[in-house]
Amino acid sequence: MPLFKSCPAAKLHALWAAALLVASSVLVAPAAAQPSAPQLSASYAACMDQSGGVTVEIHACISAEHARQDQQSLDG
């Protein structure tokens, strides 16, 4: 007789445990993959503060930061 057929709570507990295991490995893996990820610049933070939540302005800040990060990776 299967264990889960006799105890539905055990099946639910096993499913939750499996889901938590998968979620924790998904959340930890990206952090381990790039330990030296570049930090966002101070000018990006200032740009975002001045954007006022306007989508076009936010996209301009992101584009400028991408260009800065790309240049930094090319320089060194």
N, C-alpha and C. Protein backbone atom coordinates (compact mmCIF):
# COMPACT_ATOMS: atom_id res chain seq x y z
N MET A 1 0.84 -1.18 0.00
CA MET A 1 0.00 0.00 0.00
C MET A 1 0.89 1.24 0.00
N PRO A 2 0.66 2.19 -0.91
CA PRO A 2 1.48 3.41 -0.98
C PRO A 2 1.31 4.27 0.27
N LEU A 3 2.36 4.91 0.66
CA LEU A 3 2.36 5.75 1.86
C LEU A 3 1.40 6.92 1.71
N PHE A 4 1.38 7.57 0.56
CA PHE A 4 0.58 8.78 0.37
C PHE A 4 -0.92 8.49 0.32
N LYS A 5 -1.29 7.30 -0.10
CA LYS A 5 -2.71 6.95 -0.17
C LYS A 5 -3.31 6.88 1.23
N SER A 6 -2.52 6.45 2.19
CA SER A 6 -3.02 6.30 3.55
C SER A 6 -2.97 7.60 4.34
N CYS A 7 -2.18 8.57 3.89
CA CYS A 7 -2.02 9.81 4.65
C CYS A 7 -1.94 11.01 3.71
N PRO A 8 -3.08 11.64 3.39
CA PRO A 8 -3.07 12.78 2.48
C PRO A 8 -2.24 13.96 2.98
N ALA A 9 -2.16 14.13 4.28
CA ALA A 9 -1.36 15.23 4.84
C ALA A 9 0.12 15.03 4.53
N ALA A 10 0.58 13.81 4.52
CA ALA A 10 1.98 13.52 4.21
C ALA A 10 2.28 13.88 2.76
N LYS A 11 1.32 13.63 1.86
CA LYS A 11 1.50 13.97 0.46
C LYS A 11 1.60 15.48 0.30
N LEU A 12 0.73 16.21 0.97
CA LEU A 12 0.76 17.67 0.90
C LEU A 12 2.08 18.21 1.47
N HIS A 13 2.53 17.64 2.58
CA HIS A 13 3.79 18.06 3.18
C HIS A 13 4.96 17.80 2.24
N ALA A 14 4.95 16.66 1.58
CA ALA A 14 6.03 16.32 0.65
C ALA A 14 6.03 17.27 -0.55
N LEU A 15 4.84 17.63 -1.04
CA LEU A 15 4.77 18.57 -2.15
C LEU A 15 5.29 19.94 -1.76
N TRP A 16 4.94 20.42 -0.58
CA TRP A 16 5.44 21.72 -0.10
C TRP A 16 6.95 21.69 0.07
N ALA A 17 7.46 20.60 0.60
CA ALA A 17 8.91 20.47 0.79
C ALA A 17 9.63 20.51 -0.55
N ALA A 18 9.08 19.82 -1.54
CA ALA A 18 9.70 19.82 -2.86
C ALA A 18 9.64 21.21 -3.48
N ALA A 19 8.51 21.89 -3.33
CA ALA A 19 8.37 23.24 -3.88
C ALA A 19 9.35 24.20 -3.23
N LEU A 20 9.53 24.10 -1.92
CA LEU A 20 10.49 24.97 -1.23
C LEU A 20 11.92 24.68 -1.66
N LEU A 21 12.23 23.43 -1.88
CA LEU A 21 13.57 23.06 -2.33
C LEU A 21 13.86 23.65 -3.70
N VAL A 22 12.91 23.53 -4.62
CA VAL A 22 13.08 24.08 -5.95
C VAL A 22 13.20 25.60 -5.89
N ALA A 23 12.32 26.25 -5.12
CA ALA A 23 12.35 27.71 -5.02
C ALA A 23 13.66 28.19 -4.42
N SER A 24 14.16 27.53 -3.40
CA SER A 24 15.40 27.98 -2.79
C SER A 24 16.58 27.80 -3.73
N SER A 25 16.61 26.74 -4.51
CA SER A 25 17.73 26.56 -5.44
C SER A 25 17.65 27.55 -6.59
N VAL A 26 16.45 27.94 -7.00
CA VAL A 26 16.30 28.93 -8.07
C VAL A 26 16.74 30.30 -7.57
N LEU A 27 16.44 30.62 -6.32
CA LEU A 27 16.80 31.93 -5.78
C LEU A 27 18.29 32.04 -5.48
N VAL A 28 18.93 30.97 -5.11
CA VAL A 28 20.34 31.00 -4.74
C VAL A 28 21.24 30.91 -5.97
N ALA A 29 20.85 30.19 -6.99
CA ALA A 29 21.70 29.96 -8.16
C ALA A 29 22.14 31.24 -8.85
N PRO A 30 21.27 32.22 -9.13
CA PRO A 30 21.75 33.43 -9.80
C PRO A 30 22.77 34.21 -8.97
N ALA A 31 22.61 34.23 -7.67
CA ALA A 31 23.56 34.94 -6.82
C ALA A 31 24.93 34.26 -6.87
N ALA A 32 24.95 32.96 -6.93
CA ALA A 32 26.22 32.24 -6.98
C ALA A 32 26.86 32.34 -8.36
N ALA A 33 26.06 32.55 -9.39
CA ALA A 33 26.58 32.57 -10.75
C ALA A 33 27.39 33.83 -11.04
N GLN A 34 27.05 34.96 -10.42
CA GLN A 34 27.75 36.21 -10.69
C GLN A 34 28.17 36.89 -9.39
N PRO A 35 29.22 36.38 -8.74
CA PRO A 35 29.63 36.97 -7.47
C PRO A 35 30.19 38.39 -7.63
N SER A 36 30.68 38.74 -8.81
CA SER A 36 31.29 40.06 -8.99
C SER A 36 30.45 40.93 -9.92
N ALA A 37 29.14 40.87 -9.78
CA ALA A 37 28.26 41.68 -10.63
C ALA A 37 28.51 43.17 -10.35
N PRO A 38 28.54 43.98 -11.40
CA PRO A 38 28.82 45.40 -11.21
C PRO A 38 27.71 46.10 -10.43
N GLN A 39 28.10 47.10 -9.68
CA GLN A 39 27.14 47.88 -8.90
C GLN A 39 26.58 49.00 -9.77
N LEU A 40 25.38 49.43 -9.44
CA LEU A 40 24.77 50.54 -10.15
C LEU A 40 25.47 51.83 -9.75
N SER A 41 25.60 52.75 -10.69
CA SER A 41 26.33 53.99 -10.43
C SER A 41 25.48 54.99 -9.65
N ALA A 42 26.15 55.96 -9.05
CA ALA A 42 25.47 57.03 -8.32
C ALA A 42 24.65 57.88 -9.28
N SER A 43 25.14 58.06 -10.51
CA SER A 43 24.39 58.86 -11.47
C SER A 43 23.09 58.15 -11.88
N TYR A 44 23.09 56.82 -11.85
CA TYR A 44 21.85 56.08 -12.13
C TYR A 44 20.83 56.36 -11.03
N ALA A 45 21.28 56.30 -9.78
CA ALA A 45 20.38 56.57 -8.66
C ALA A 45 19.82 57.98 -8.73
N ALA A 46 20.68 58.94 -9.07
CA ALA A 46 20.22 60.33 -9.19
C ALA A 46 19.23 60.47 -10.34
N CYS A 47 19.50 59.83 -11.44
CA CYS A 47 18.61 59.87 -12.60
C CYS A 47 17.24 59.29 -12.24
N MET A 48 17.24 58.16 -11.54
CA MET A 48 15.99 57.53 -11.14
C MET A 48 15.21 58.43 -10.17
N ASP A 49 15.93 59.10 -9.27
CA ASP A 49 15.26 60.02 -8.34
C ASP A 49 14.59 61.17 -9.09
N GLN A 50 15.25 61.64 -10.14
CA GLN A 50 14.73 62.78 -10.90
C GLN A 50 13.67 62.37 -11.93
N SER A 51 13.51 61.07 -12.17
CA SER A 51 12.58 60.62 -13.21
C SER A 51 11.12 60.87 -12.85
N GLY A 52 10.83 60.97 -11.57
CA GLY A 52 9.46 61.20 -11.14
C GLY A 52 8.53 60.04 -11.46
N GLY A 53 9.08 58.87 -11.69
CA GLY A 53 8.26 57.70 -11.98
C GLY A 53 7.73 57.66 -13.41
N VAL A 54 8.22 58.56 -14.26
CA VAL A 54 7.77 58.61 -15.66
C VAL A 54 8.51 57.52 -16.43
N THR A 55 7.76 56.66 -17.10
CA THR A 55 8.33 55.49 -17.76
C THR A 55 9.41 55.85 -18.77
N VAL A 56 9.17 56.85 -19.57
CA VAL A 56 10.17 57.25 -20.58
C VAL A 56 11.46 57.69 -19.90
N GLU A 57 11.34 58.44 -18.82
CA GLU A 57 12.53 58.89 -18.09
C GLU A 57 13.26 57.70 -17.45
N ILE A 58 12.52 56.77 -16.91
CA ILE A 58 13.12 55.57 -16.30
C ILE A 58 13.89 54.78 -17.35
N HIS A 59 13.31 54.63 -18.53
CA HIS A 59 14.00 53.91 -19.60
C HIS A 59 15.28 54.63 -20.03
N ALA A 60 15.25 55.95 -20.03
CA ALA A 60 16.46 56.72 -20.36
C ALA A 60 17.54 56.47 -19.32
N CYS A 61 17.16 56.43 -18.05
CA CYS A 61 18.13 56.14 -16.98
C CYS A 61 18.75 54.76 -17.15
N ILE A 62 17.90 53.80 -17.46
CA ILE A 62 18.37 52.42 -17.63
C ILE A 62 19.31 52.33 -18.83
N SER A 63 18.96 52.98 -19.93
CA SER A 63 19.82 52.96 -21.12
C SER A 63 21.18 53.58 -20.83
N ALA A 64 21.18 54.71 -20.13
CA ALA A 64 22.44 55.37 -19.79
C ALA A 64 23.29 54.48 -18.88
N GLU A 65 22.65 53.80 -17.94
CA GLU A 65 23.39 52.91 -17.03
C GLU A 65 23.94 51.72 -17.79
N HIS A 66 23.18 51.18 -18.72
CA HIS A 66 23.69 50.07 -19.55
C HIS A 66 24.94 50.52 -20.31
N ALA A 67 24.88 51.69 -20.89
CA ALA A 67 26.04 52.20 -21.63
C ALA A 67 27.24 52.37 -20.71
N ARG A 68 27.01 52.89 -19.49
CA ARG A 68 28.10 53.05 -18.51
C ARG A 68 28.70 51.70 -18.14
N GLN A 69 27.83 50.73 -17.85
CA GLN A 69 28.31 49.40 -17.45
C GLN A 69 29.07 48.73 -18.60
N ASP A 70 28.55 48.87 -19.82
CA ASP A 70 29.24 48.29 -20.97
C ASP A 70 30.62 48.91 -21.14
N GLN A 71 30.72 50.23 -21.00
CA GLN A 71 32.00 50.91 -21.14
C GLN A 71 32.98 50.46 -20.07
N GLN A 72 32.48 50.29 -18.84
CA GLN A 72 33.35 49.82 -17.75
C GLN A 72 33.88 48.43 -18.03
N SER A 73 33.02 47.56 -18.57
CA SER A 73 33.48 46.20 -18.85
C SER A 73 34.50 46.18 -20.00
N LEU A 74 34.38 47.12 -20.92
CA LEU A 74 35.36 47.20 -22.01
C LEU A 74 36.68 47.78 -21.53
N ASP A 75 36.60 48.73 -20.59
CA ASP A 75 37.80 49.39 -20.08
C ASP A 75 38.61 48.50 -19.14
N GLY A 76 37.95 47.60 -18.49
CA GLY A 76 38.79 46.89 -17.55
C GLY A 76 38.23 45.76 -16.93
